Amino acid sequence: GDPCRVCGHGSAATTDDAAAAAEMASTSLFDACKEGRSDVVQAWLN
């Protein structure tokens, strides 16, 4: 029921800033690779 504090999912106020989204996906990909979360790696690549 609460909005996502990272991607804004569930929030009334949204943005279509694709560049910022891509950067966030890439930085999140780093943490997934560091932790060895291959499922998360695949999701961010998708």
PDB file of all heavy atoms in Angstrom:
ATOM      1  N   GLY A   1       0.802  -1.217   0.000  1.00  0.00           N
ATOM      2  CA  GLY A   1       0.000   0.000   0.000  1.00  0.00           C
ATOM      3  C   GLY A   1       0.829   1.258   0.000  1.00  0.00           C
ATOM      4  O   GLY A   1       0.323   2.324  -0.323  1.00  0.00           O
ATOM      5  N   ASP A   2       2.118   1.152   0.416  1.00  0.00           N
ATOM      6  CA  ASP A   2       2.996   2.326   0.408  1.00  0.00           C
ATOM      7  C   ASP A   2       3.723   2.421  -0.926  1.00  0.00           C
ATOM      8  O   ASP A   2       4.030   1.411  -1.541  1.00  0.00           O
ATOM      9  CB  ASP A   2       4.039   2.226   1.528  1.00  0.00           C
ATOM     10  CG  ASP A   2       3.396   2.369   2.901  1.00  0.00           C
ATOM     11  OD1 ASP A   2       2.278   2.934   2.951  1.00  0.00           O
ATOM     12  OD2 ASP A   2       3.997   1.895   3.881  1.00  0.00           O
ATOM     13  N   PRO A   3       4.034   3.624  -1.363  1.00  0.00           N
ATOM     14  CA  PRO A   3       4.799   3.771  -2.615  1.00  0.00           C
ATOM     15  C   PRO A   3       6.227   3.293  -2.418  1.00  0.00           C
ATOM     16  O   PRO A   3       6.793   3.386  -1.330  1.00  0.00           O
ATOM     17  CB  PRO A   3       4.743   5.271  -2.886  1.00  0.00           C
ATOM     18  CG  PRO A   3       4.562   5.896  -1.543  1.00  0.00           C
ATOM     19  CD  PRO A   3       3.709   4.926  -0.768  1.00  0.00           C
ATOM     20  N   CYS A   4       6.832   2.728  -3.527  1.00  0.00           N
ATOM     21  CA  CYS A   4       8.232   2.296  -3.482  1.00  0.00           C
ATOM     22  C   CYS A   4       9.127   3.522  -3.394  1.00  0.00           C
ATOM     23  O   CYS A   4       9.002   4.451  -4.177  1.00  0.00           O
ATOM     24  CB  CYS A   4       8.568   1.486  -4.740  1.00  0.00           C
ATOM     25  SG  CYS A   4      10.293   0.986  -4.793  1.00  0.00           S
ATOM     26  N   ARG A   5      10.062   3.480  -2.438  1.00  0.00           N
ATOM     27  CA  ARG A   5      10.917   4.646  -2.230  1.00  0.00           C
ATOM     28  C   ARG A   5      12.070   4.717  -3.223  1.00  0.00           C
ATOM     29  O   ARG A   5      12.811   5.689  -3.248  1.00  0.00           O
ATOM     30  CB  ARG A   5      11.457   4.627  -0.802  1.00  0.00           C
ATOM     31  CG  ARG A   5      10.370   4.808   0.238  1.00  0.00           C
ATOM     32  CD  ARG A   5      10.959   5.035   1.619  1.00  0.00           C
ATOM     33  NE  ARG A   5      11.735   3.873   2.056  1.00  0.00           N
ATOM     34  CZ  ARG A   5      12.527   3.889   3.133  1.00  0.00           C
ATOM     35  NH1 ARG A   5      12.651   4.998   3.844  1.00  0.00           N
ATOM     36  NH2 ARG A   5      13.192   2.810   3.482  1.00  0.00           N
ATOM     37  N   VAL A   6      12.239   3.677  -4.031  1.00  0.00           N
ATOM     38  CA  VAL A   6      13.316   3.701  -5.025  1.00  0.00           C
ATOM     39  C   VAL A   6      12.798   4.057  -6.414  1.00  0.00           C
ATOM     40  O   VAL A   6      13.264   4.994  -7.056  1.00  0.00           O
ATOM     41  CB  VAL A   6      14.052   2.342  -5.056  1.00  0.00           C
ATOM     42  CG1 VAL A   6      15.110   2.339  -6.149  1.00  0.00           C
ATOM     43  CG2 VAL A   6      14.683   2.056  -3.711  1.00  0.00           C
ATOM     44  N   CYS A   7      11.814   3.280  -6.883  1.00  0.00           N
ATOM     45  CA  CYS A   7      11.349   3.515  -8.255  1.00  0.00           C
ATOM     46  C   CYS A   7      10.057   4.325  -8.299  1.00  0.00           C
ATOM     47  O   CYS A   7       9.623   4.742  -9.367  1.00  0.00           O
ATOM     48  CB  CYS A   7      11.144   2.198  -8.997  1.00  0.00           C
ATOM     49  SG  CYS A   7       9.776   1.224  -8.372  1.00  0.00           S
ATOM     50  N   GLY A   8       9.419   4.542  -7.125  1.00  0.00           N
ATOM     51  CA  GLY A   8       8.212   5.345  -7.111  1.00  0.00           C
ATOM     52  C   GLY A   8       6.963   4.571  -7.409  1.00  0.00           C
ATOM     53  O   GLY A   8       5.882   5.157  -7.504  1.00  0.00           O
ATOM     54  N   HIS A   9       7.103   3.232  -7.583  1.00  0.00           N
ATOM     55  CA  HIS A   9       5.914   2.431  -7.867  1.00  0.00           C
ATOM     56  C   HIS A   9       4.908   2.561  -6.726  1.00  0.00           C
ATOM     57  O   HIS A   9       5.248   2.363  -5.571  1.00  0.00           O
ATOM     58  CB  HIS A   9       6.324   0.966  -8.056  1.00  0.00           C
ATOM     59  CG  HIS A   9       5.177   0.061  -8.397  1.00  0.00           C
ATOM     60  ND1 HIS A   9       5.168  -1.269  -8.066  1.00  0.00           N
ATOM     61  CD2 HIS A   9       4.019   0.314  -9.033  1.00  0.00           C
ATOM     62  CE1 HIS A   9       4.049  -1.816  -8.490  1.00  0.00           C
ATOM     63  NE2 HIS A   9       3.332  -0.854  -9.083  1.00  0.00           N
ATOM     64  N   GLY A  10       3.669   2.900  -7.065  1.00  0.00           N
ATOM     65  CA  GLY A  10       2.626   3.074  -6.061  1.00  0.00           C
ATOM     66  C   GLY A  10       2.446   4.514  -5.646  1.00  0.00           C
ATOM     67  O   GLY A  10       1.531   4.840  -4.910  1.00  0.00           O
ATOM     68  N   SER A  11       3.320   5.403  -6.113  1.00  0.00           N
ATOM     69  CA  SER A  11       3.196   6.818  -5.762  1.00  0.00           C
ATOM     70  C   SER A  11       2.352   7.529  -6.797  1.00  0.00           C
ATOM     71  O   SER A  11       2.369   7.179  -7.988  1.00  0.00           O
ATOM     72  CB  SER A  11       4.599   7.454  -5.694  1.00  0.00           C
ATOM     73  OG  SER A  11       4.506   8.838  -5.510  1.00  0.00           O
ATOM     74  N   ALA A  12       1.631   8.551  -6.321  1.00  0.00           N
ATOM     75  CA  ALA A  12       0.799   9.309  -7.257  1.00  0.00           C
ATOM     76  C   ALA A  12       1.652  10.140  -8.185  1.00  0.00           C
ATOM     77  O   ALA A  12       1.323  10.368  -9.344  1.00  0.00           O
ATOM     78  CB  ALA A  12      -0.174  10.200  -6.486  1.00  0.00           C
ATOM     79  N   ALA A  13       2.758  10.654  -7.662  1.00  0.00           N
ATOM     80  CA  ALA A  13       3.627  11.499  -8.480  1.00  0.00           C
ATOM     81  C   ALA A  13       4.689  10.615  -9.134  1.00  0.00           C
ATOM     82  O   ALA A  13       5.404   9.895  -8.454  1.00  0.00           O
ATOM     83  CB  ALA A  13       4.303  12.557  -7.611  1.00  0.00           C
ATOM     84  N   THR A  14       4.752  10.611 -10.468  1.00  0.00           N
ATOM     85  CA  THR A  14       5.727   9.786 -11.219  1.00  0.00           C
ATOM     86  C   THR A  14       6.476  10.658 -12.202  1.00  0.00           C
ATOM     87  O   THR A  14       6.104  11.801 -12.468  1.00  0.00           O
ATOM     88  CB  THR A  14       5.005   8.670 -11.984  1.00  0.00           C
ATOM     89  OG1 THR A  14       4.107   9.251 -12.922  1.00  0.00           O
ATOM     90  CG2 THR A  14       4.266   7.745 -11.013  1.00  0.00           C
ATOM     91  N   THR A  15       7.567  10.083 -12.763  1.00  0.00           N
ATOM     92  CA  THR A  15       8.368  10.796 -13.772  1.00  0.00           C
ATOM     93  C   THR A  15       8.787   9.811 -14.832  1.00  0.00           C
ATOM     94  O   THR A  15       8.897   8.612 -14.579  1.00  0.00           O
ATOM     95  CB  THR A  15       9.621  11.434 -13.151  1.00  0.00           C
ATOM     96  OG1 THR A  15      10.391  12.043 -14.189  1.00  0.00           O
ATOM     97  CG2 THR A  15      10.503  10.393 -12.465  1.00  0.00           C
ATOM     98  N   ASP A  16       9.042  10.287 -16.038  1.00  0.00           N
ATOM     99  CA  ASP A  16       9.487   9.449 -17.158  1.00  0.00           C
ATOM    100  C   ASP A  16      10.933   9.742 -17.518  1.00  0.00           C
ATOM    101  O   ASP A  16      11.326   9.694 -18.671  1.00  0.00           O
ATOM    102  CB  ASP A  16       8.596   9.675 -18.390  1.00  0.00           C
ATOM    103  CG  ASP A  16       7.201   9.116 -18.174  1.00  0.00           C
ATOM    104  OD1 ASP A  16       7.109   8.059 -17.523  1.00  0.00           O
ATOM    105  OD2 ASP A  16       6.250   9.733 -18.668  1.00  0.00           O
ATOM    106  N   ASP A  17      11.714  10.059 -16.539  1.00  0.00           N
ATOM    107  CA  ASP A  17      13.120  10.386 -16.788  1.00  0.00           C
ATOM    108  C   ASP A  17      13.878   9.097 -17.101  1.00  0.00           C
ATOM    109  O   ASP A  17      14.368   8.403 -16.204  1.00  0.00           O
ATOM    110  CB  ASP A  17      13.727  11.080 -15.570  1.00  0.00           C
ATOM    111  CG  ASP A  17      15.112  11.628 -15.865  1.00  0.00           C
ATOM    112  OD1 ASP A  17      15.718  11.226 -16.873  1.00  0.00           O
ATOM    113  OD2 ASP A  17      15.577  12.453 -15.064  1.00  0.00           O
ATOM    114  N   ALA A  18      13.969   8.728 -18.399  1.00  0.00           N
ATOM    115  CA  ALA A  18      14.573   7.450 -18.809  1.00  0.00           C
ATOM    116  C   ALA A  18      16.057   7.390 -18.481  1.00  0.00           C
ATOM    117  O   ALA A  18      16.574   6.346 -18.094  1.00  0.00           O
ATOM    118  CB  ALA A  18      14.358   7.241 -20.306  1.00  0.00           C
ATOM    119  N   ALA A  19      16.765   8.518 -18.636  1.00  0.00           N
ATOM    120  CA  ALA A  19      18.205   8.524 -18.374  1.00  0.00           C
ATOM    121  C   ALA A  19      18.487   8.229 -16.911  1.00  0.00           C
ATOM    122  O   ALA A  19      19.373   7.442 -16.571  1.00  0.00           O
ATOM    123  CB  ALA A  19      18.800   9.874 -18.775  1.00  0.00           C
ATOM    124  N   ALA A  20      17.724   8.858 -16.044  1.00  0.00           N
ATOM    125  CA  ALA A  20      17.913   8.629 -14.613  1.00  0.00           C
ATOM    126  C   ALA A  20      17.559   7.194 -14.254  1.00  0.00           C
ATOM    127  O   ALA A  20      18.220   6.557 -13.434  1.00  0.00           O
ATOM    128  CB  ALA A  20      17.060   9.604 -13.815  1.00  0.00           C
ATOM    129  N   ALA A  21      16.539   6.662 -14.895  1.00  0.00           N
ATOM    130  CA  ALA A  21      16.148   5.278 -14.639  1.00  0.00           C
ATOM    131  C   ALA A  21      17.247   4.321 -15.071  1.00  0.00           C
ATOM    132  O   ALA A  21      17.552   3.342 -14.388  1.00  0.00           O
ATOM    133  CB  ALA A  21      14.845   4.961 -15.376  1.00  0.00           C
ATOM    134  N   ALA A  22      17.864   4.598 -16.229  1.00  0.00           N
ATOM    135  CA  ALA A  22      18.929   3.729 -16.724  1.00  0.00           C
ATOM    136  C   ALA A  22      20.124   3.753 -15.793  1.00  0.00           C
ATOM    137  O   ALA A  22      20.750   2.723 -15.523  1.00  0.00           O
ATOM    138  CB  ALA A  22      19.341   4.159 -18.132  1.00  0.00           C
ATOM    139  N   GLU A  23      20.466   4.962 -15.271  1.00  0.00           N
ATOM    140  CA  GLU A  23      21.597   5.060 -14.355  1.00  0.00           C
ATOM    141  C   GLU A  23      21.314   4.298 -13.065  1.00  0.00           C
ATOM    142  O   GLU A  23      22.171   3.610 -12.524  1.00  0.00           O
ATOM    143  CB  GLU A  23      21.915   6.520 -14.047  1.00  0.00           C
ATOM    144  CG  GLU A  23      23.123   6.665 -13.122  1.00  0.00           C
ATOM    145  CD  GLU A  23      23.512   8.111 -12.902  1.00  0.00           C
ATOM    146  OE1 GLU A  23      22.919   8.993 -13.549  1.00  0.00           O
ATOM    147  OE2 GLU A  23      24.407   8.349 -12.082  1.00  0.00           O
ATOM    148  N   MET A  24      20.080   4.436 -12.586  1.00  0.00           N
ATOM    149  CA  MET A  24      19.727   3.720 -11.365  1.00  0.00           C
ATOM    150  C   MET A  24      19.780   2.216 -11.594  1.00  0.00           C
ATOM    151  O   MET A  24      20.265   1.458 -10.743  1.00  0.00           O
ATOM    152  CB  MET A  24      18.325   4.115 -10.903  1.00  0.00           C
ATOM    153  CG  MET A  24      17.887   3.388  -9.616  1.00  0.00           C
ATOM    154  SD  MET A  24      16.404   4.106  -8.938  1.00  0.00           S
ATOM    155  CE  MET A  24      17.016   5.703  -8.424  1.00  0.00           C
ATOM    156  N   ALA A  25      19.333   1.756 -12.785  1.00  0.00           N
ATOM    157  CA  ALA A  25      19.395   0.328 -13.092  1.00  0.00           C
ATOM    158  C   ALA A  25      20.838  -0.151 -13.111  1.00  0.00           C
ATOM    159  O   ALA A  25      21.166  -1.224 -12.598  1.00  0.00           O
ATOM    160  CB  ALA A  25      18.726   0.062 -14.438  1.00  0.00           C
ATOM    161  N   SER A  26      21.728   0.673 -13.689  1.00  0.00           N
ATOM    162  CA  SER A  26      23.133   0.280 -13.791  1.00  0.00           C
ATOM    163  C   SER A  26      23.798   0.216 -12.424  1.00  0.00           C
ATOM    164  O   SER A  26      24.550  -0.710 -12.115  1.00  0.00           O
ATOM    165  CB  SER A  26      23.885   1.258 -14.705  1.00  0.00           C
ATOM    166  OG  SER A  26      23.343   1.242 -16.005  1.00  0.00           O
ATOM    167  N   THR A  27      23.521   1.219 -11.578  1.00  0.00           N
ATOM    168  CA  THR A  27      24.122   1.197 -10.242  1.00  0.00           C
ATOM    169  C   THR A  27      23.557   0.053  -9.415  1.00  0.00           C
ATOM    170  O   THR A  27      24.279  -0.578  -8.633  1.00  0.00           O
ATOM    171  CB  THR A  27      23.899   2.535  -9.526  1.00  0.00           C
ATOM    172  OG1 THR A  27      22.498   2.824  -9.475  1.00  0.00           O
ATOM    173  CG2 THR A  27      24.618   3.664 -10.244  1.00  0.00           C
ATOM    174  N   SER A  28      22.294  -0.250  -9.601  1.00  0.00           N
ATOM    175  CA  SER A  28      21.709  -1.388  -8.895  1.00  0.00           C
ATOM    176  C   SER A  28      22.312  -2.697  -9.391  1.00  0.00           C
ATOM    177  O   SER A  28      22.481  -3.651  -8.627  1.00  0.00           O
ATOM    178  CB  SER A  28      20.192  -1.399  -9.090  1.00  0.00           C
ATOM    179  OG  SER A  28      19.615  -0.217  -8.564  1.00  0.00           O
ATOM    180  N   LEU A  29      22.651  -2.753 -10.677  1.00  0.00           N
ATOM    181  CA  LEU A  29      23.293  -3.928 -11.252  1.00  0.00           C
ATOM    182  C   LEU A  29      24.634  -4.202 -10.572  1.00  0.00           C
ATOM    183  O   LEU A  29      25.008  -5.354 -10.339  1.00  0.00           O
ATOM    184  CB  LEU A  29      23.486  -3.734 -12.763  1.00  0.00           C
ATOM    185  CG  LEU A  29      24.161  -4.867 -13.528  1.00  0.00           C
ATOM    186  CD1 LEU A  29      23.347  -6.163 -13.421  1.00  0.00           C
ATOM    187  CD2 LEU A  29      24.327  -4.477 -15.005  1.00  0.00           C
ATOM    188  N   PHE A  30      25.350  -3.130 -10.208  1.00  0.00           N
ATOM    189  CA  PHE A  30      26.620  -3.286  -9.508  1.00  0.00           C
ATOM    190  C   PHE A  30      26.443  -4.069  -8.216  1.00  0.00           C
ATOM    191  O   PHE A  30      27.195  -5.002  -7.924  1.00  0.00           O
ATOM    192  CB  PHE A  30      27.214  -1.902  -9.185  1.00  0.00           C
ATOM    193  CG  PHE A  30      28.168  -1.415 -10.213  1.00  0.00           C
ATOM    194  CD1 PHE A  30      27.715  -0.869 -11.397  1.00  0.00           C
ATOM    195  CD2 PHE A  30      29.534  -1.503 -10.014  1.00  0.00           C
ATOM    196  CE1 PHE A  30      28.593  -0.415 -12.355  1.00  0.00           C
ATOM    197  CE2 PHE A  30      30.427  -1.053 -10.958  1.00  0.00           C
ATOM    198  CZ  PHE A  30      29.949  -0.509 -12.139  1.00  0.00           C
ATOM    199  N   ASP A  31      25.457  -3.648  -7.405  1.00  0.00           N
ATOM    200  CA  ASP A  31      25.261  -4.303  -6.116  1.00  0.00           C
ATOM    201  C   ASP A  31      24.856  -5.758  -6.291  1.00  0.00           C
ATOM    202  O   ASP A  31      25.277  -6.629  -5.529  1.00  0.00           O
ATOM    203  CB  ASP A  31      24.198  -3.558  -5.304  1.00  0.00           C
ATOM    204  CG  ASP A  31      24.764  -2.264  -4.728  1.00  0.00           C
ATOM    205  OD1 ASP A  31      25.957  -2.246  -4.390  1.00  0.00           O
ATOM    206  OD2 ASP A  31      24.018  -1.281  -4.642  1.00  0.00           O
ATOM    207  N   ALA A  32      24.043  -6.034  -7.322  1.00  0.00           N
ATOM    208  CA  ALA A  32      23.641  -7.419  -7.586  1.00  0.00           C
ATOM    209  C   ALA A  32      24.852  -8.264  -7.961  1.00  0.00           C
ATOM    210  O   ALA A  32      24.974  -9.426  -7.549  1.00  0.00           O
ATOM    211  CB  ALA A  32      22.598  -7.449  -8.705  1.00  0.00           C
ATOM    212  N   CYS A  33      25.789  -7.684  -8.749  1.00  0.00           N
ATOM    213  CA  CYS A  33      26.999  -8.415  -9.146  1.00  0.00           C
ATOM    214  C   CYS A  33      27.937  -8.619  -7.958  1.00  0.00           C
ATOM    215  O   CYS A  33      28.584  -9.661  -7.836  1.00  0.00           O
ATOM    216  CB  CYS A  33      27.725  -7.653 -10.264  1.00  0.00           C
ATOM    217  SG  CYS A  33      26.855  -7.679 -11.847  1.00  0.00           S
ATOM    218  N   LYS A  34      27.995  -7.623  -7.080  1.00  0.00           N
ATOM    219  CA  LYS A  34      28.850  -7.740  -5.890  1.00  0.00           C
ATOM    220  C   LYS A  34      28.352  -8.848  -4.978  1.00  0.00           C
ATOM    221  O   LYS A  34      29.140  -9.607  -4.393  1.00  0.00           O
ATOM    222  CB  LYS A  34      28.875  -6.406  -5.161  1.00  0.00           C
ATOM    223  CG  LYS A  34      29.703  -6.429  -3.880  1.00  0.00           C
ATOM    224  CD  LYS A  34      29.648  -5.079  -3.187  1.00  0.00           C
ATOM    225  CE  LYS A  34      30.426  -5.105  -1.866  1.00  0.00           C
ATOM    226  NZ  LYS A  34      30.349  -3.806  -1.167  1.00  0.00           N
ATOM    227  N   GLU A  35      27.038  -8.955  -4.846  1.00  0.00           N
ATOM    228  CA  GLU A  35      26.452  -9.933  -3.940  1.00  0.00           C
ATOM    229  C   GLU A  35      26.220 -11.287  -4.614  1.00  0.00           C
ATOM    230  O   GLU A  35      25.848 -12.260  -3.958  1.00  0.00           O
ATOM    231  CB  GLU A  35      25.137  -9.385  -3.395  1.00  0.00           C
ATOM    232  CG  GLU A  35      25.341  -8.125  -2.545  1.00  0.00           C
ATOM    233  CD  GLU A  35      24.040  -7.384  -2.260  1.00  0.00           C
ATOM    234  OE1 GLU A  35      22.968  -7.952  -2.615  1.00  0.00           O
ATOM    235  OE2 GLU A  35      24.089  -6.279  -1.721  1.00  0.00           O
ATOM    236  N   GLY A  36      26.421 -11.345  -5.948  1.00  0.00           N
ATOM    237  CA  GLY A  36      26.239 -12.606  -6.642  1.00  0.00           C
ATOM    238  C   GLY A  36      24.804 -13.007  -6.837  1.00  0.00           C
ATOM    239  O   GLY A  36      24.504 -14.192  -7.006  1.00  0.00           O
ATOM    240  N   ARG A  37      23.894 -12.027  -6.846  1.00  0.00           N
ATOM    241  CA  ARG A  37      22.474 -12.299  -7.058  1.00  0.00           C
ATOM    242  C   ARG A  37      22.199 -12.403  -8.550  1.00  0.00           C
ATOM    243  O   ARG A  37      21.821 -11.433  -9.211  1.00  0.00           O
ATOM    244  CB  ARG A  37      21.634 -11.205  -6.427  1.00  0.00           C
ATOM    245  CG  ARG A  37      21.652 -11.164  -4.907  1.00  0.00           C
ATOM    246  CD  ARG A  37      20.858 -12.324  -4.320  1.00  0.00           C
ATOM    247  NE  ARG A  37      19.506 -12.383  -4.840  1.00  0.00           N
ATOM    248  CZ  ARG A  37      18.486 -11.639  -4.398  1.00  0.00           C
ATOM    249  NH1 ARG A  37      18.686 -10.788  -3.397  1.00  0.00           N
ATOM    250  NH2 ARG A  37      17.283 -11.774  -4.917  1.00  0.00           N
ATOM    251  N   SER A  38      22.393 -13.594  -9.117  1.00  0.00           N
ATOM    252  CA  SER A  38      22.255 -13.753 -10.562  1.00  0.00           C
ATOM    253  C   SER A  38      20.819 -13.497 -11.028  1.00  0.00           C
ATOM    254  O   SER A  38      20.605 -13.007 -12.144  1.00  0.00           O
ATOM    255  CB  SER A  38      22.695 -15.156 -10.987  1.00  0.00           C
ATOM    256  OG  SER A  38      21.974 -16.148 -10.286  1.00  0.00           O
ATOM    257  N   ASP A  39      19.829 -13.800 -10.159  1.00  0.00           N
ATOM    258  CA  ASP A  39      18.440 -13.521 -10.547  1.00  0.00           C
ATOM    259  C   ASP A  39      18.194 -12.027 -10.664  1.00  0.00           C
ATOM    260  O   ASP A  39      17.527 -11.548 -11.586  1.00  0.00           O
ATOM    261  CB  ASP A  39      17.469 -14.160  -9.555  1.00  0.00           C
ATOM    262  CG  ASP A  39      17.751 -13.739  -8.111  1.00  0.00           C
ATOM    263  OD1 ASP A  39      18.868 -13.233  -7.833  1.00  0.00           O
ATOM    264  OD2 ASP A  39      16.845 -13.901  -7.268  1.00  0.00           O
ATOM    265  N   VAL A  40      18.791 -11.268  -9.748  1.00  0.00           N
ATOM    266  CA  VAL A  40      18.644  -9.813  -9.806  1.00  0.00           C
ATOM    267  C   VAL A  40      19.428  -9.250 -10.990  1.00  0.00           C
ATOM    268  O   VAL A  40      18.977  -8.331 -11.673  1.00  0.00           O
ATOM    269  CB  VAL A  40      19.125  -9.174  -8.487  1.00  0.00           C
ATOM    270  CG1 VAL A  40      18.994  -7.662  -8.549  1.00  0.00           C
ATOM    271  CG2 VAL A  40      18.314  -9.733  -7.309  1.00  0.00           C
ATOM    272  N   VAL A  41      20.605  -9.811 -11.235  1.00  0.00           N
ATOM    273  CA  VAL A  41      21.405  -9.384 -12.395  1.00  0.00           C
ATOM    274  C   VAL A  41      20.592  -9.550 -13.665  1.00  0.00           C
ATOM    275  O   VAL A  41      20.502  -8.634 -14.494  1.00  0.00           O
ATOM    276  CB  VAL A  41      22.714 -10.202 -12.477  1.00  0.00           C
ATOM    277  CG1 VAL A  41      23.421  -9.951 -13.810  1.00  0.00           C
ATOM    278  CG2 VAL A  41      23.646  -9.857 -11.328  1.00  0.00           C
ATOM    279  N   GLN A  42      19.969 -10.714 -13.812  1.00  0.00           N
ATOM    280  CA  GLN A  42      19.183 -10.969 -15.023  1.00  0.00           C
ATOM    281  C   GLN A  42      18.004 -10.005 -15.124  1.00  0.00           C
ATOM    282  O   GLN A  42      17.692  -9.492 -16.207  1.00  0.00           O
ATOM    283  CB  GLN A  42      18.666 -12.417 -15.010  1.00  0.00           C
ATOM    284  CG  GLN A  42      17.945 -12.824 -16.287  1.00  0.00           C
ATOM    285  CD  GLN A  42      18.854 -12.812 -17.487  1.00  0.00           C
ATOM    286  OE1 GLN A  42      19.737 -13.644 -17.616  1.00  0.00           O
ATOM    287  NE2 GLN A  42      18.652 -11.852 -18.383  1.00  0.00           N
ATOM    288  N   ALA A  43      17.360  -9.729 -13.970  1.00  0.00           N
ATOM    289  CA  ALA A  43      16.211  -8.816 -13.989  1.00  0.00           C
ATOM    290  C   ALA A  43      16.619  -7.420 -14.424  1.00  0.00           C
ATOM    291  O   ALA A  43      15.953  -6.780 -15.235  1.00  0.00           O
ATOM    292  CB  ALA A  43      15.558  -8.787 -12.601  1.00  0.00           C
ATOM    293  N   TRP A  44      17.738  -6.914 -13.868  1.00  0.00           N
ATOM    294  CA  TRP A  44      18.175  -5.562 -14.256  1.00  0.00           C
ATOM    295  C   TRP A  44      18.640  -5.508 -15.706  1.00  0.00           C
ATOM    296  O   TRP A  44      18.427  -4.511 -16.396  1.00  0.00           O
ATOM    297  CB  TRP A  44      19.290  -5.078 -13.317  1.00  0.00           C
ATOM    298  CG  TRP A  44      18.776  -4.583 -12.005  1.00  0.00           C
ATOM    299  CD1 TRP A  44      19.025  -5.085 -10.777  1.00  0.00           C
ATOM    300  CD2 TRP A  44      17.909  -3.474 -11.809  1.00  0.00           C
ATOM    301  NE1 TRP A  44      18.371  -4.370  -9.797  1.00  0.00           N
ATOM    302  CE2 TRP A  44      17.666  -3.357 -10.422  1.00  0.00           C
ATOM    303  CE3 TRP A  44      17.274  -2.557 -12.650  1.00  0.00           C
ATOM    304  CZ2 TRP A  44      16.851  -2.380  -9.868  1.00  0.00           C
ATOM    305  CZ3 TRP A  44      16.459  -1.581 -12.100  1.00  0.00           C
ATOM    306  CH2 TRP A  44      16.256  -1.504 -10.720  1.00  0.00           C
ATOM    307  N   LEU A  45      19.240  -6.568 -16.174  1.00  0.00           N
ATOM    308  CA  LEU A  45      19.623  -6.612 -17.596  1.00  0.00           C
ATOM    309  C   LEU A  45      18.374  -6.585 -18.473  1.00  0.00           C
ATOM    310  O   LEU A  45      18.343  -5.916 -19.513  1.00  0.00           O
ATOM    311  CB  LEU A  45      20.461  -7.865 -17.888  1.00  0.00           C
ATOM    312  CG  LEU A  45      21.872  -7.890 -17.290  1.00  0.00           C
ATOM    313  CD1 LEU A  45      22.526  -9.253 -17.516  1.00  0.00           C
ATOM    314  CD2 LEU A  45      22.738  -6.789 -17.909  1.00  0.00           C
ATOM    315  N   ASN A  46      17.352  -7.324 -18.040  1.00  0.00           N
ATOM    316  CA  ASN A  46      16.089  -7.314 -18.794  1.00  0.00           C
ATOM    317  C   ASN A  46      15.451  -5.931 -18.798  1.00  0.00           C
ATOM    318  O   ASN A  46      14.728  -5.574 -19.739  1.00  0.00           O
ATOM    319  CB  ASN A  46      15.111  -8.328 -18.195  1.00  0.00           C
ATOM    320  CG  ASN A  46      15.563  -9.762 -18.412  1.00  0.00           C
ATOM    321  OD1 ASN A  46      16.404 -10.027 -19.271  1.00  0.00           O
ATOM    322  ND2 ASN A  46      15.006 -10.693 -17.632  1.00  0.00           N
TER     323      ASN A  46
END
